[in-house]
PDB file of N, CA and C in Angstrom:
ATOM      1  N   UNK A   1     195.052  80.117 -77.486  1.00  0.00           N
ATOM      2  CA  UNK A   1     195.082  79.758 -76.091  1.00  0.00           C
ATOM      3  C   UNK A   1     196.127  78.665 -75.830  1.00  0.00           C
ATOM      4  N   UNK A   2     196.162  77.648 -76.683  1.00  0.00           N
ATOM      5  CA  UNK A   2     197.110  76.558 -76.488  1.00  0.00           C
ATOM      6  C   UNK A   2     198.553  77.042 -76.642  1.00  0.00           C
ATOM      7  N   UNK A   3     198.805  77.857 -77.660  1.00  0.00           N
ATOM      8  CA  UNK A   3     200.152  78.409 -77.853  1.00  0.00           C
ATOM      9  C   UNK A   3     200.582  79.219 -76.643  1.00  0.00           C
ATOM     10  N   UNK A   4     199.644  79.993 -76.095  1.00  0.00           N
ATOM     11  CA  UNK A   4     199.933  80.813 -74.921  1.00  0.00           C
ATOM     12  C   UNK A   4     200.384  79.956 -73.743  1.00  0.00           C
ATOM     13  N   UNK A   5     199.880  78.743 -73.682  1.00  0.00           N
ATOM     14  CA  UNK A   5     200.239  77.817 -72.608  1.00  0.00           C
ATOM     15  C   UNK A   5     201.487  76.996 -72.933  1.00  0.00           C
ATOM     16  N   UNK A   6     202.135  77.308 -74.046  1.00  0.00           N
ATOM     17  CA  UNK A   6     203.384  76.629 -74.393  1.00  0.00           C
ATOM     18  C   UNK A   6     203.200  75.308 -75.117  1.00  0.00           C
ATOM     19  N   UNK A   7     202.009  75.062 -75.651  1.00  0.00           N
ATOM     20  CA  UNK A   7     201.744  73.812 -76.365  1.00  0.00           C
ATOM     21  C   UNK A   7     202.017  74.040 -77.849  1.00  0.00           C
ATOM     22  N   UNK A   8     202.770  73.119 -78.444  1.00  0.00           N
ATOM     23  CA  UNK A   8     203.109  73.222 -79.858  1.00  0.00           C
ATOM     24  C   UNK A   8     201.850  72.978 -80.685  1.00  0.00           C
ATOM     25  N   UNK A   9     201.395  74.004 -81.389  1.00  0.00           N
ATOM     26  CA  UNK A   9     200.152  73.962 -82.154  1.00  0.00           C
ATOM     27  C   UNK A   9     200.443  74.334 -83.594  1.00  0.00           C
ATOM     28  N   UNK A  10     199.801  73.635 -84.504  1.00  0.00           N
ATOM     29  CA  UNK A  10     199.945  73.961 -85.911  1.00  0.00           C
ATOM     30  C   UNK A  10     198.536  74.134 -86.488  1.00  0.00           C
ATOM     31  N   UNK A  11     198.252  75.309 -87.030  1.00  0.00           N
ATOM     32  CA  UNK A  11     196.965  75.565 -87.669  1.00  0.00           C
ATOM     33  C   UNK A  11     197.128  75.234 -89.143  1.00  0.00           C
ATOM     34  N   UNK A  12     196.258  74.359 -89.645  1.00  0.00           N
ATOM     35  CA  UNK A  12     196.382  73.858 -91.008  1.00  0.00           C
ATOM     36  C   UNK A  12     195.253  74.375 -91.891  1.00  0.00           C
ATOM     37  N   UNK A  13     195.471  74.374 -93.217  1.00  0.00           N
ATOM     38  CA  UNK A  13     194.407  74.814 -94.126  1.00  0.00           C
ATOM     39  C   UNK A  13     193.268  73.801 -94.171  1.00  0.00           C
ATOM     40  N   UNK A  14     192.088  74.275 -94.570  1.00  0.00           N
ATOM     41  CA  UNK A  14     190.968  73.369 -94.805  1.00  0.00           C
ATOM     42  C   UNK A  14     191.365  72.411 -95.922  1.00  0.00           C
ATOM     43  N   UNK A  15     190.702  71.280 -96.013  1.00  0.00           N
ATOM     44  CA  UNK A  15     191.097  70.255 -96.977  1.00  0.00           C
ATOM     45  C   UNK A  15     191.129  70.786 -98.408  1.00  0.00           C
ATOM     46  N   UNK A  16     190.182  71.620 -98.775  1.00  0.00           N
ATOM     47  CA  UNK A  16     190.117  72.140-100.142  1.00  0.00           C
ATOM     48  C   UNK A  16     191.077  73.306-100.388  1.00  0.00           C
ATOM     49  N   UNK A  17     191.726  73.798 -99.330  1.00  0.00           N
ATOM     50  CA  UNK A  17     192.595  74.976 -99.463  1.00  0.00           C
ATOM     51  C   UNK A  17     194.049  74.645 -99.752  1.00  0.00           C
ATOM     52  N   UNK A  18     194.398  73.386 -99.779  1.00  0.00           N
ATOM     53  CA  UNK A  18     195.776  73.052-100.110  1.00  0.00           C
ATOM     54  C   UNK A  18     196.395  72.029 -99.183  1.00  0.00           C
ATOM     55  N   UNK A  19     197.663  71.785 -99.449  1.00  0.00           N
ATOM     56  CA  UNK A  19     198.399  70.771 -98.710  1.00  0.00           C
ATOM     57  C   UNK A  19     199.728  71.347 -98.254  1.00  0.00           C
ATOM     58  N   UNK A  20     200.325  70.821 -97.218  1.00  0.00           N
ATOM     59  CA  UNK A  20     199.830  69.676 -96.452  1.00  0.00           C
ATOM     60  C   UNK A  20     198.645  70.078 -95.586  1.00  0.00           C
ATOM     61  N   UNK A  21     197.716  69.146 -95.442  1.00  0.00           N
ATOM     62  CA  UNK A  21     196.567  69.358 -94.582  1.00  0.00           C
ATOM     63  C   UNK A  21     196.534  68.259 -93.518  1.00  0.00           C
ATOM     64  N   UNK A  22     195.512  68.250 -92.721  1.00  0.00           N
ATOM     65  CA  UNK A  22     195.447  67.318 -91.592  1.00  0.00           C
ATOM     66  C   UNK A  22     195.475  65.861 -92.038  1.00  0.00           C
ATOM     67  N   UNK A  23     194.903  65.555 -93.184  1.00  0.00           N
ATOM     68  CA  UNK A  23     194.906  64.180 -93.688  1.00  0.00           C
ATOM     69  C   UNK A  23     196.340  63.731 -93.946  1.00  0.00           C
ATOM     70  N   UNK A  24     197.140  64.598 -94.559  1.00  0.00           N
ATOM     71  CA  UNK A  24     198.551  64.281 -94.819  1.00  0.00           C
ATOM     72  C   UNK A  24     199.297  64.007 -93.515  1.00  0.00           C
ATOM     73  N   UNK A  25     199.060  64.856 -92.516  1.00  0.00           N
ATOM     74  CA  UNK A  25     199.737  64.684 -91.228  1.00  0.00           C
ATOM     75  C   UNK A  25     199.321  63.386 -90.538  1.00  0.00           C
ATOM     76  N   UNK A  26     198.042  63.036 -90.631  1.00  0.00           N
ATOM     77  CA  UNK A  26     197.596  61.772 -90.017  1.00  0.00           C
ATOM     78  C   UNK A  26     198.226  60.581 -90.725  1.00  0.00           C
ATOM     79  N   UNK A  27     198.262  60.613 -92.051  1.00  0.00           N
ATOM     80  CA  UNK A  27     198.850  59.505 -92.815  1.00  0.00           C
ATOM     81  C   UNK A  27     200.324  59.328 -92.473  1.00  0.00           C
ATOM     82  N   UNK A  28     201.005  60.428 -92.179  1.00  0.00           N
ATOM     83  CA  UNK A  28     202.428  60.381 -91.829  1.00  0.00           C
ATOM     84  C   UNK A  28     202.661  60.145 -90.335  1.00  0.00           C
ATOM     85  N   UNK A  29     201.585  59.907 -89.607  1.00  0.00           N
ATOM     86  CA  UNK A  29     201.645  59.665 -88.152  1.00  0.00           C
ATOM     87  C   UNK A  29     202.325  60.818 -87.402  1.00  0.00           C
ATOM     88  N   UNK A  30     202.024  62.047 -87.811  1.00  0.00           N
ATOM     89  CA  UNK A  30     202.596  63.240 -87.195  1.00  0.00           C
ATOM     90  C   UNK A  30     201.595  63.971 -86.302  1.00  0.00           C
ATOM     91  N   UNK A  31     200.450  63.347 -86.058  1.00  0.00           N
ATOM     92  CA  UNK A  31     199.397  63.983 -85.277  1.00  0.00           C
ATOM     93  C   UNK A  31     199.050  63.093 -84.086  1.00  0.00           C
ATOM     94  N   UNK A  32     198.944  63.711 -82.905  1.00  0.00           N
ATOM     95  CA  UNK A  32     198.591  62.951 -81.703  1.00  0.00           C
ATOM     96  C   UNK A  32     197.209  63.309 -81.185  1.00  0.00           C
ATOM     97  N   UNK A  33     196.704  64.464 -81.587  1.00  0.00           N
ATOM     98  CA  UNK A  33     195.389  64.923 -81.140  1.00  0.00           C
ATOM     99  C   UNK A  33     194.892  65.980 -82.114  1.00  0.00           C
ATOM    100  N   UNK A  34     193.606  65.893 -82.465  1.00  0.00           N
ATOM    101  CA  UNK A  34     192.997  66.873 -83.355  1.00  0.00           C
ATOM    102  C   UNK A  34     191.923  67.625 -82.585  1.00  0.00           C
ATOM    103  N   UNK A  35     191.969  68.941 -82.671  1.00  0.00           N
ATOM    104  CA  UNK A  35     190.880  69.781 -82.170  1.00  0.00           C
ATOM    105  C   UNK A  35     190.323  70.483 -83.398  1.00  0.00           C
ATOM    106  N   UNK A  36     189.116  70.086 -83.798  1.00  0.00           N
ATOM    107  CA  UNK A  36     188.490  70.621 -85.007  1.00  0.00           C
ATOM    108  C   UNK A  36     187.082  71.075 -84.640  1.00  0.00           C
ATOM    109  N   UNK A  37     186.887  72.387 -84.576  1.00  0.00           N
ATOM    110  CA  UNK A  37     185.580  72.927 -84.200  1.00  0.00           C
ATOM    111  C   UNK A  37     184.949  73.598 -85.416  1.00  0.00           C
ATOM    112  N   UNK A  38     184.303  72.809 -86.272  1.00  0.00           N
ATOM    113  CA  UNK A  38     183.765  73.338 -87.521  1.00  0.00           C
ATOM    114  C   UNK A  38     182.499  74.168 -87.314  1.00  0.00           C
ATOM    115  N   UNK A  39     182.206  74.990 -88.321  1.00  0.00           N
ATOM    116  CA  UNK A  39     180.951  75.721 -88.331  1.00  0.00           C
ATOM    117  C   UNK A  39     180.529  75.926 -89.774  1.00  0.00           C
ATOM    118  N   UNK A  40     179.253  75.919 -90.015  1.00  0.00           N
ATOM    119  CA  UNK A  40     178.745  76.128 -91.369  1.00  0.00           C
ATOM    120  C   UNK A  40     178.684  74.849 -92.180  1.00  0.00           C
ATOM    121  N   UNK A  41     178.267  74.968 -93.428  1.00  0.00           N
ATOM    122  CA  UNK A  41     178.020  73.813 -94.277  1.00  0.00           C
ATOM    123  C   UNK A  41     179.299  73.216 -94.882  1.00  0.00           C
ATOM    124  N   UNK A  42     180.183  74.037 -95.400  1.00  0.00           N
ATOM    125  CA  UNK A  42     181.404  73.541 -96.053  1.00  0.00           C
ATOM    126  C   UNK A  42     182.305  72.809 -95.060  1.00  0.00           C
ATOM    127  N   UNK A  43     182.572  73.368 -93.890  1.00  0.00           N
ATOM    128  CA  UNK A  43     183.409  72.635 -92.941  1.00  0.00           C
ATOM    129  C   UNK A  43     182.816  71.287 -92.544  1.00  0.00           C
ATOM    130  N   UNK A  44     181.499  71.118 -92.631  1.00  0.00           N
ATOM    131  CA  UNK A  44     180.864  69.843 -92.290  1.00  0.00           C
ATOM    132  C   UNK A  44     181.418  68.716 -93.160  1.00  0.00           C
ATOM    133  N   UNK A  45     181.645  68.991 -94.448  1.00  0.00           N
ATOM    134  CA  UNK A  45     182.215  67.984 -95.344  1.00  0.00           C
ATOM    135  C   UNK A  45     183.622  67.609 -94.874  1.00  0.00           C
ATOM    136  N   UNK A  46     184.414  68.619 -94.544  1.00  0.00           N
ATOM    137  CA  UNK A  46     185.760  68.363 -94.032  1.00  0.00           C
ATOM    138  C   UNK A  46     185.704  67.537 -92.757  1.00  0.00           C
ATOM    139  N   UNK A  47     184.768  67.875 -91.878  1.00  0.00           N
ATOM    140  CA  UNK A  47     184.675  67.182 -90.595  1.00  0.00           C
ATOM    141  C   UNK A  47     184.457  65.688 -90.787  1.00  0.00           C
ATOM    142  N   UNK A  48     183.618  65.308 -91.724  1.00  0.00           N
ATOM    143  CA  UNK A  48     183.349  63.887 -91.972  1.00  0.00           C
ATOM    144  C   UNK A  48     184.623  63.177 -92.409  1.00  0.00           C
ATOM    145  N   UNK A  49     185.357  63.783 -93.321  1.00  0.00           N
ATOM    146  CA  UNK A  49     186.601  63.173 -93.807  1.00  0.00           C
ATOM    147  C   UNK A  49     187.645  63.129 -92.689  1.00  0.00           C
ATOM    148  N   UNK A  50     187.757  64.212 -91.935  1.00  0.00           N
ATOM    149  CA  UNK A  50     188.735  64.263 -90.837  1.00  0.00           C
ATOM    150  C   UNK A  50     188.407  63.218 -89.781  1.00  0.00           C
ATOM    151  N   UNK A  51     187.146  63.136 -89.359  1.00  0.00           N
ATOM    152  CA  UNK A  51     186.763  62.143 -88.345  1.00  0.00           C
ATOM    153  C   UNK A  51     187.010  60.722 -88.823  1.00  0.00           C
ATOM    154  N   UNK A  52     186.648  60.433 -90.061  1.00  0.00           N
ATOM    155  CA  UNK A  52     186.847  59.083 -90.606  1.00  0.00           C
ATOM    156  C   UNK A  52     188.325  58.721 -90.650  1.00  0.00           C
ATOM    157  N   UNK A  53     189.128  59.652 -91.114  1.00  0.00           N
ATOM    158  CA  UNK A  53     190.567  59.401 -91.190  1.00  0.00           C
ATOM    159  C   UNK A  53     191.166  59.283 -89.793  1.00  0.00           C
ATOM    160  N   UNK A  54     190.727  60.133 -88.878  1.00  0.00           N
ATOM    161  CA  UNK A  54     191.220  60.063 -87.495  1.00  0.00           C
ATOM    162  C   UNK A  54     190.877  58.714 -86.876  1.00  0.00           C
ATOM    163  N   UNK A  55     189.672  58.229 -87.115  1.00  0.00           N
ATOM    164  CA  UNK A  55     189.278  56.910 -86.596  1.00  0.00           C
ATOM    165  C   UNK A  55     190.160  55.822 -87.192  1.00  0.00           C
ATOM    166  N   UNK A  56     190.396  55.886 -88.490  1.00  0.00           N
ATOM    167  CA  UNK A  56     191.230  54.885 -89.158  1.00  0.00           C
ATOM    168  C   UNK A  56     192.642  54.854 -88.582  1.00  0.00           C
ATOM    169  N   UNK A  57     193.210  56.032 -88.339  1.00  0.00           N
ATOM    170  CA  UNK A  57     194.578  56.123 -87.824  1.00  0.00           C
ATOM    171  C   UNK A  57     194.642  56.193 -86.294  1.00  0.00           C
ATOM    172  N   UNK A  58     193.504  56.050 -85.642  1.00  0.00           N
ATOM    173  CA  UNK A  58     193.408  56.026 -84.174  1.00  0.00           C
ATOM    174  C   UNK A  58     193.939  57.313 -83.534  1.00  0.00           C
ATOM    175  N   UNK A  59     193.542  58.443 -84.110  1.00  0.00           N
ATOM    176  CA  UNK A  59     193.922  59.755 -83.590  1.00  0.00           C
ATOM    177  C   UNK A  59     192.707  60.351 -82.889  1.00  0.00           C
ATOM    178  N   UNK A  60     192.818  60.708 -81.608  1.00  0.00           N
ATOM    179  CA  UNK A  60     191.689  61.341 -80.921  1.00  0.00           C
ATOM    180  C   UNK A  60     191.298  62.645 -81.617  1.00  0.00           C
ATOM    181  N   UNK A  61     189.988  62.855 -81.756  1.00  0.00           N
ATOM    182  CA  UNK A  61     189.480  64.031 -82.456  1.00  0.00           C
ATOM    183  C   UNK A  61     188.415  64.708 -81.594  1.00  0.00           C
ATOM    184  N   UNK A  62     188.672  65.939 -81.204  1.00  0.00           N
ATOM    185  CA  UNK A  62     187.756  66.714 -80.373  1.00  0.00           C
ATOM    186  C   UNK A  62     187.061  67.726 -81.270  1.00  0.00           C
ATOM    187  N   UNK A  63     185.724  67.805 -81.176  1.00  0.00           N
ATOM    188  CA  UNK A  63     184.981  68.636 -82.122  1.00  0.00           C
ATOM    189  C   UNK A  63     184.199  69.781 -81.478  1.00  0.00           C
ATOM    190  N   UNK A  64     184.359  69.987 -80.189  1.00  0.00           N
ATOM    191  CA  UNK A  64     183.682  71.118 -79.542  1.00  0.00           C
ATOM    192  C   UNK A  64     184.669  71.877 -78.671  1.00  0.00           C
ATOM    193  N   UNK A  65     184.398  73.148 -78.445  1.00  0.00           N
ATOM    194  CA  UNK A  65     185.261  73.963 -77.596  1.00  0.00           C
ATOM    195  C   UNK A  65     185.218  73.432 -76.162  1.00  0.00           C
ATOM    196  N   UNK A  66     184.029  73.067 -75.678  1.00  0.00           N
ATOM    197  CA  UNK A  66     183.943  72.541 -74.304  1.00  0.00           C
ATOM    198  C   UNK A  66     184.706  71.223 -74.172  1.00  0.00           C
ATOM    199  N   UNK A  67     184.665  70.396 -75.205  1.00  0.00           N
ATOM    200  CA  UNK A  67     185.437  69.153 -75.191  1.00  0.00           C
ATOM    201  C   UNK A  67     186.926  69.417 -75.192  1.00  0.00           C
ATOM    202  N   UNK A  68     187.356  70.431 -75.934  1.00  0.00           N
ATOM    203  CA  UNK A  68     188.775  70.792 -75.969  1.00  0.00           C
ATOM    204  C   UNK A  68     189.239  71.300 -74.615  1.00  0.00           C
ATOM    205  N   UNK A  69     188.417  72.118 -73.968  1.00  0.00           N
ATOM    206  CA  UNK A  69     188.773  72.638 -72.645  1.00  0.00           C
ATOM    207  C   UNK A  69     188.867  71.496 -71.638  1.00  0.00           C
ATOM    208  N   UNK A  70     187.873  70.620 -71.629  1.00  0.00           N
ATOM    209  CA  UNK A  70     187.889  69.483 -70.701  1.00  0.00           C
ATOM    210  C   UNK A  70     189.090  68.582 -70.958  1.00  0.00           C
ATOM    211  N   UNK A  71     189.394  68.334 -72.214  1.00  0.00           N
ATOM    212  CA  UNK A  71     190.525  67.461 -72.559  1.00  0.00           C
ATOM    213  C   UNK A  71     191.854  68.068 -72.153  1.00  0.00           C
ATOM    214  N   UNK A  72     192.029  69.365 -72.391  1.00  0.00           N
ATOM    215  CA  UNK A  72     193.296  69.991 -72.012  1.00  0.00           C
ATOM    216  C   UNK A  72     193.457  70.022 -70.497  1.00  0.00           C
ATOM    217  N   UNK A  73     192.356  70.216 -69.769  1.00  0.00           N
ATOM    218  CA  UNK A  73     192.437  70.170 -68.307  1.00  0.00           C
ATOM    219  C   UNK A  73     192.803  68.765 -67.836  1.00  0.00           C
ATOM    220  N   UNK A  74     192.234  67.752 -68.461  1.00  0.00           N
ATOM    221  CA  UNK A  74     192.544  66.368 -68.091  1.00  0.00           C
ATOM    222  C   UNK A  74     194.003  66.026 -68.398  1.00  0.00           C
ATOM    223  N   UNK A  75     194.494  66.450 -69.550  1.00  0.00           N
ATOM    224  CA  UNK A  75     195.896  66.205 -69.909  1.00  0.00           C
ATOM    225  C   UNK A  75     196.821  66.911 -68.928  1.00  0.00           C
ATOM    226  N   UNK A  76     196.476  68.150 -68.591  1.00  0.00           N
ATOM    227  CA  UNK A  76     197.274  68.898 -67.619  1.00  0.00           C
ATOM    228  C   UNK A  76     197.311  68.169 -66.277  1.00  0.00           C
ATOM    229  N   UNK A  77     196.182  67.668 -65.838  1.00  0.00           N
ATOM    230  CA  UNK A  77     196.117  66.924 -64.578  1.00  0.00           C
ATOM    231  C   UNK A  77     196.973  65.664 -64.641  1.00  0.00           C
ATOM    232  N   UNK A  78     196.875  64.941 -65.737  1.00  0.00           N
ATOM    233  CA  UNK A  78     197.679  63.723 -65.894  1.00  0.00           C
ATOM    234  C   UNK A  78     199.176  64.023 -65.855  1.00  0.00           C
ATOM    235  N   UNK A  79     199.576  65.146 -66.450  1.00  0.00           N
ATOM    236  CA  UNK A  79     200.992  65.498 -66.499  1.00  0.00           C
ATOM    237  C   UNK A  79     201.520  66.048 -65.178  1.00  0.00           C
ATOM    238  N   UNK A  80     200.651  66.623 -64.372  1.00  0.00           N
ATOM    239  CA  UNK A  80     201.124  67.294 -63.163  1.00  0.00           C
ATOM    240  C   UNK A  80     200.888  66.519 -61.866  1.00  0.00           C
ATOM    241  N   UNK A  81     200.126  65.447 -61.915  1.00  0.00           N
ATOM    242  CA  UNK A  81     199.818  64.704 -60.697  1.00  0.00           C
ATOM    243  C   UNK A  81     199.995  63.208 -60.911  1.00  0.00           C
ATOM    244  N   UNK A  82     200.136  62.515 -59.805  1.00  0.00           N
ATOM    245  CA  UNK A  82     200.176  61.067 -59.851  1.00  0.00           C
ATOM    246  C   UNK A  82     198.728  60.572 -59.840  1.00  0.00           C
ATOM    247  N   UNK A  83     198.243  60.144 -60.977  1.00  0.00           N
ATOM    248  CA  UNK A  83     196.857  59.722 -61.114  1.00  0.00           C
ATOM    249  C   UNK A  83     196.785  58.219 -60.913  1.00  0.00           C
ATOM    250  N   UNK A  84     195.841  57.804 -60.112  1.00  0.00           N
ATOM    251  CA  UNK A  84     195.668  56.390 -59.810  1.00  0.00           C
ATOM    252  C   UNK A  84     194.355  55.903 -60.416  1.00  0.00           C
ATOM    253  N   UNK A  85     194.402  54.775 -61.084  1.00  0.00           N
ATOM    254  CA  UNK A  85     193.210  54.191 -61.686  1.00  0.00           C
ATOM    255  C   UNK A  85     192.594  53.204 -60.705  1.00  0.00           C
ATOM    256  N   UNK A  86     191.279  53.330 -60.512  1.00  0.00           N
ATOM    257  CA  UNK A  86     190.543  52.414 -59.632  1.00  0.00           C
ATOM    258  C   UNK A  86     189.301  51.933 -60.357  1.00  0.00           C
ATOM    259  N   UNK A  87     188.839  50.770 -59.958  1.00  0.00           N
ATOM    260  CA  UNK A  87     187.592  50.258 -60.520  1.00  0.00           C
ATOM    261  C   UNK A  87     186.412  50.990 -59.876  1.00  0.00           C
ATOM    262  N   UNK A  88     185.276  50.930 -60.521  1.00  0.00           N
ATOM    263  CA  UNK A  88     184.090  51.575 -59.967  1.00  0.00           C
ATOM    264  C   UNK A  88     183.694  50.927 -58.642  1.00  0.00           C
ATOM    265  N   UNK A  89     183.987  49.644 -58.495  1.00  0.00           N
ATOM    266  CA  UNK A  89     183.696  48.948 -57.236  1.00  0.00           C
ATOM    267  C   UNK A  89     184.531  49.519 -56.095  1.00  0.00           C
ATOM    268  N   UNK A  90     185.788  49.869 -56.399  1.00  0.00           N
ATOM    269  CA  UNK A  90     186.640  50.475 -55.370  1.00  0.00           C
ATOM    270  C   UNK A  90     186.074  51.825 -54.931  1.00  0.00           C
ATOM    271  N   UNK A  91     185.612  52.622 -55.884  1.00  0.00           N
ATOM    272  CA  UNK A  91     185.005  53.900 -55.529  1.00  0.00           C
ATOM    273  C   UNK A  91     183.731  53.695 -54.709  1.00  0.00           C
ATOM    274  N   UNK A  92     182.934  52.735 -55.089  1.00  0.00           N
ATOM    275  CA  UNK A  92     181.704  52.438 -54.342  1.00  0.00           C
ATOM    276  C   UNK A  92     182.032  52.033 -52.910  1.00  0.00           C
ATOM    277  N   UNK A  93     183.055  51.212 -52.758  1.00  0.00           N
ATOM    278  CA  UNK A  93     183.479  50.775 -51.432  1.00  0.00           C
ATOM    279  C   UNK A  93     183.928  51.982 -50.594  1.00  0.00           C
ATOM    280  N   UNK A  94     184.698  52.866 -51.194  1.00  0.00           N
ATOM    281  CA  UNK A  94     185.165  54.058 -50.483  1.00  0.00           C
ATOM    282  C   UNK A  94     183.991  54.927 -50.030  1.00  0.00           C
ATOM    283  N   UNK A  95     183.003  55.098 -50.884  1.00  0.00           N
ATOM    284  CA  UNK A  95     181.835  55.910 -50.545  1.00  0.00           C
ATOM    285  C   UNK A  95     180.972  55.221 -49.473  1.00  0.00           C
ATOM    286  N   UNK A  96     180.863  53.911 -49.549  1.00  0.00           N
ATOM    287  CA  UNK A  96     180.038  53.161 -48.591  1.00  0.00           C
ATOM    288  C   UNK A  96     180.648  53.152 -47.202  1.00  0.00           C
ATOM    289  N   UNK A  97     181.970  53.160 -47.126  1.00  0.00           N
ATOM    290  CA  UNK A  97     182.625  53.082 -45.825  1.00  0.00           C
ATOM    291  C   UNK A  97     182.797  54.451 -45.170  1.00  0.00           C
ATOM    292  N   UNK A  98     182.385  55.510 -45.848  1.00  0.00           N
ATOM    293  CA  UNK A  98     182.529  56.857 -45.276  1.00  0.00           C
ATOM    294  C   UNK A  98     181.433  57.182 -44.305  1.00  0.00           C
TER     295      UNK A  98
END
């Protein structure tokens, strides 16, 4: 789906399947976002190592399909619109004055 939308995607082997793997890419600072949707018992071990390494290197890690969809929609919105940050008090004021 991401490739279809023109996003540069690289599918990597599981940690036990060889190198380079995601850990190598994180150590080399070549990763900006991880989408890892594991299933089953063996991938669970990989997920723990990937999440820990991602946290150490401050790489966002998405672990569900719904999270990936929401994140890609948010990134698309940020890239295509002028997004303004407001405090929650500003939003409350806007709602109260309506």
